[in-house]
Amino acid sequence: MKNQTKKLVYAAGCLAMGIILALLFHLLGGGLGNILLPMHIPVLLCGFLCGPLFGAACGVLLPLLSSIMIGIPPIFPVGAAMMFELCTYGLLSGLLYKKANVYISLIVAMLGGRIIGGAANAVLLGIAGKAYGLTAFVTTMFVTALPGIFIQLGLIPLLVIALTRARLINDPKGQNQKQ
């Protein structure tokens, strides 16, 4: 019970961090959210800290709550597609971290989320009568997002390792990383 409560508190903190980051980047303007991907960081982190179920829930709820509270992202089609993408990030980072190290887990989660996000964009933008082909997929999910991808690859492993060494989170493989 104590562990579930800790996970719930961490997940709520990740949700709050995601909403605050979305608001901050919205206030800074200039489409920085599409470039630096502020909502992705707390969702990926939630998967690592809390496991796949809390990570997936955080991924679904964050774009929805952010859209309702601050209007970013617009709920359809962008927010709905983000719900699929971020759900995949949280789910895969939590699942994979039980079996692989933080770097492999992160890279696979990021690729999986982008593939699911691209598929969701294709379907939802198609419903909205807008084209979304391979060029748009590569541009939005990889080229424009490159600075955010680098931030995620640099920041998230450092945070996960630091929190594990500080014994604020458990190493899912049962290894003591404190040296």
Protein backbone atom coordinates (compact mmCIF):
# COMPACT_ATOMS: atom_id res chain seq x y z
CA MET A 1 0.00 0.00 0.00
CA LYS A 2 2.78 2.41 0.90
CA ASN A 3 4.46 1.85 -2.49
CA GLN A 4 1.19 2.52 -4.39
CA THR A 5 0.68 5.75 -2.46
CA LYS A 6 4.24 6.83 -3.29
CA LYS A 7 3.63 6.06 -6.97
CA LEU A 8 0.36 7.99 -6.94
CA VAL A 9 2.07 11.03 -5.41
CA TYR A 10 4.91 10.86 -7.96
CA ALA A 11 2.42 10.49 -10.83
CA ALA A 12 0.42 13.49 -9.58
CA GLY A 13 3.68 15.46 -9.35
CA CYS A 14 4.53 14.50 -12.94
CA LEU A 15 1.06 15.62 -14.08
CA ALA A 16 1.46 18.94 -12.28
CA MET A 17 4.95 19.41 -13.71
CA GLY A 18 3.62 18.72 -17.22
CA ILE A 19 0.83 21.29 -16.90
CA ILE A 20 3.21 23.89 -15.48
CA LEU A 21 5.76 23.27 -18.24
CA ALA A 22 3.04 23.46 -20.92
CA LEU A 23 1.82 26.76 -19.48
CA LEU A 24 5.33 28.16 -19.22
CA PHE A 25 6.18 27.25 -22.82
CA HIS A 26 2.80 28.60 -24.00
CA LEU A 27 3.53 31.91 -22.28
CA LEU A 28 7.00 32.05 -23.87
CA GLY A 29 5.31 31.58 -27.25
CA GLY A 30 6.90 31.01 -30.61
CA GLY A 31 5.92 27.35 -30.87
CA LEU A 32 8.61 26.31 -28.38
CA GLY A 33 6.43 23.46 -27.16
CA ASN A 34 6.64 21.75 -30.56
CA ILE A 35 10.42 22.07 -30.48
CA LEU A 36 11.33 21.39 -26.84
CA LEU A 37 8.48 18.95 -26.02
CA PRO A 38 7.89 19.95 -22.39
CA MET A 39 5.04 17.48 -21.78
CA HIS A 40 7.10 14.49 -22.86
CA ILE A 41 9.62 14.79 -20.01
CA PRO A 42 7.22 14.32 -17.07
CA VAL A 43 5.40 11.45 -18.79
CA LEU A 44 8.59 9.55 -19.58
CA LEU A 45 9.81 10.23 -16.06
CA CYS A 46 6.51 8.98 -14.63
CA GLY A 47 6.92 5.68 -16.46
CA PHE A 48 10.39 5.23 -15.00
CA LEU A 49 9.37 6.28 -11.48
CA CYS A 50 5.93 4.72 -11.19
CA GLY A 51 5.76 1.91 -13.72
CA PRO A 52 3.76 1.29 -16.87
CA LEU A 53 0.21 1.79 -15.58
CA PHE A 54 0.83 5.11 -13.88
CA GLY A 55 3.05 6.18 -16.79
CA ALA A 56 0.33 5.37 -19.32
CA ALA A 57 -2.34 7.12 -17.23
CA CYS A 58 -0.13 10.21 -16.92
CA GLY A 59 0.37 10.17 -20.70
CA VAL A 60 -3.37 10.07 -21.38
CA LEU A 61 -4.35 12.59 -18.72
CA LEU A 62 -1.66 15.24 -19.26
CA PRO A 63 -2.69 16.47 -22.74
CA LEU A 64 -6.36 16.21 -21.76
CA LEU A 65 -6.01 18.20 -18.53
CA SER A 66 -3.66 20.72 -20.12
CA SER A 67 -6.12 21.25 -22.96
CA ILE A 68 -9.01 21.75 -20.55
CA MET A 69 -7.08 23.98 -18.13
CA ILE A 70 -4.95 26.14 -20.42
CA GLY A 71 -6.08 25.35 -23.96
CA ILE A 72 -2.74 23.81 -24.98
CA PRO A 73 -2.77 21.57 -26.96
CA PRO A 74 -6.10 21.98 -28.74
CA ILE A 75 -8.00 18.79 -27.94
CA PHE A 76 -8.70 17.77 -31.54
CA PRO A 77 -6.79 16.57 -33.40
CA VAL A 78 -3.47 17.50 -31.73
CA GLY A 79 -4.38 16.75 -28.11
CA ALA A 80 -6.06 13.46 -28.96
CA ALA A 81 -3.01 12.31 -30.96
CA MET A 82 -0.74 13.38 -28.10
CA MET A 83 -2.78 11.27 -25.70
CA PHE A 84 -1.87 8.16 -27.73
CA GLU A 85 1.76 9.22 -28.13
CA LEU A 86 2.34 10.13 -24.48
CA CYS A 87 0.42 7.08 -23.24
CA THR A 88 2.86 4.96 -25.23
CA TYR A 89 5.86 6.82 -23.76
CA GLY A 90 4.68 6.26 -20.20
CA LEU A 91 3.69 2.64 -20.81
CA LEU A 92 6.88 1.61 -22.62
CA SER A 93 9.31 3.45 -20.33
CA GLY A 94 7.70 1.75 -17.33
CA LEU A 95 7.59 -1.70 -18.95
CA LEU A 96 11.06 -1.67 -20.45
CA TYR A 97 12.85 -0.27 -17.40
CA LYS A 98 12.05 -3.52 -15.59
CA LYS A 99 14.16 -5.41 -18.14
CA ALA A 100 16.66 -2.96 -19.65
CA ASN A 101 18.76 -0.01 -18.55
CA VAL A 102 17.45 3.54 -18.57
CA TYR A 103 19.03 4.48 -21.91
CA ILE A 104 17.66 1.53 -23.91
CA SER A 105 14.27 1.88 -22.23
CA LEU A 106 14.15 5.59 -23.03
CA ILE A 107 15.16 5.25 -26.69
CA VAL A 108 12.70 2.42 -27.38
CA ALA A 109 9.90 4.30 -25.56
CA MET A 110 10.64 7.45 -27.55
CA LEU A 111 10.61 5.58 -30.87
CA GLY A 112 7.46 3.63 -29.98
CA GLY A 113 5.66 6.77 -28.87
CA ARG A 114 6.57 8.58 -32.05
CA ILE A 115 5.33 5.69 -34.21
CA ILE A 116 2.01 5.53 -32.34
CA GLY A 117 1.78 9.34 -32.37
CA GLY A 118 2.36 9.37 -36.11
CA ALA A 119 -0.33 6.74 -36.67
CA ALA A 120 -2.76 8.67 -34.45
CA ASN A 121 -1.97 11.89 -36.32
CA ALA A 122 -2.58 10.19 -39.67
CA VAL A 123 -5.99 8.90 -38.55
CA LEU A 124 -7.15 11.99 -36.66
CA LEU A 125 -5.90 14.52 -39.20
CA GLY A 126 -7.50 12.37 -41.91
CA ILE A 127 -10.81 12.63 -40.04
CA ALA A 128 -10.27 16.41 -39.89
CA GLY A 129 -9.71 16.44 -43.65
CA LYS A 130 -6.01 17.29 -43.44
CA ALA A 131 -3.16 15.39 -45.04
CA TYR A 132 -0.49 13.71 -42.92
CA GLY A 133 2.03 11.71 -44.88
CA LEU A 134 5.52 10.38 -44.34
CA THR A 135 7.14 13.80 -44.84
CA ALA A 136 4.89 15.40 -42.21
CA PHE A 137 5.57 12.49 -39.85
CA VAL A 138 9.36 12.74 -40.15
CA THR A 139 9.27 16.54 -39.93
CA THR A 140 7.01 16.83 -36.87
CA MET A 141 8.16 13.78 -34.94
CA PHE A 142 11.89 13.98 -35.60
CA VAL A 143 13.21 17.11 -37.37
CA THR A 144 11.28 19.85 -35.55
CA ALA A 145 11.47 17.87 -32.29
CA LEU A 146 15.24 17.28 -32.45
CA PRO A 147 16.11 19.79 -29.67
CA GLY A 148 13.48 18.19 -27.40
CA ILE A 149 14.74 14.73 -28.25
CA PHE A 150 18.27 15.72 -27.21
CA ILE A 151 16.96 17.27 -23.99
CA GLN A 152 15.09 14.05 -23.17
CA LEU A 153 18.09 11.85 -23.93
CA GLY A 154 20.32 13.99 -21.71
CA LEU A 155 18.01 14.91 -18.85
CA ILE A 156 15.84 11.87 -18.16
CA PRO A 157 18.63 9.30 -17.58
CA LEU A 158 20.39 11.76 -15.26
CA LEU A 159 17.21 12.30 -13.25
CA VAL A 160 16.37 8.59 -13.04
CA ILE A 161 19.92 7.63 -12.01
CA ALA A 162 20.12 10.47 -9.45
CA LEU A 163 16.74 9.58 -7.92
CA THR A 164 17.72 5.90 -7.77
CA ARG A 165 21.07 6.62 -6.14
CA ALA A 166 19.36 8.91 -3.64
CA ARG A 167 17.04 5.96 -2.92
CA LEU A 168 13.97 8.05 -3.71
CA ILE A 169 12.94 5.43 -6.24
CA ASN A 170 13.63 1.71 -6.37
CA ASP A 171 15.84 0.16 -8.98
CA PRO A 172 13.37 -2.16 -10.75
CA LYS A 173 16.06 -4.75 -11.37
CA GLY A 174 16.94 -4.84 -7.67
CA GLN A 175 20.49 -3.62 -8.19
CA ASN A 176 21.96 -1.02 -5.89
CA GLN A 177 23.28 1.79 -8.07
CA LYS A 178 24.73 3.72 -5.14
CA GLN A 179 28.50 3.61 -5.22
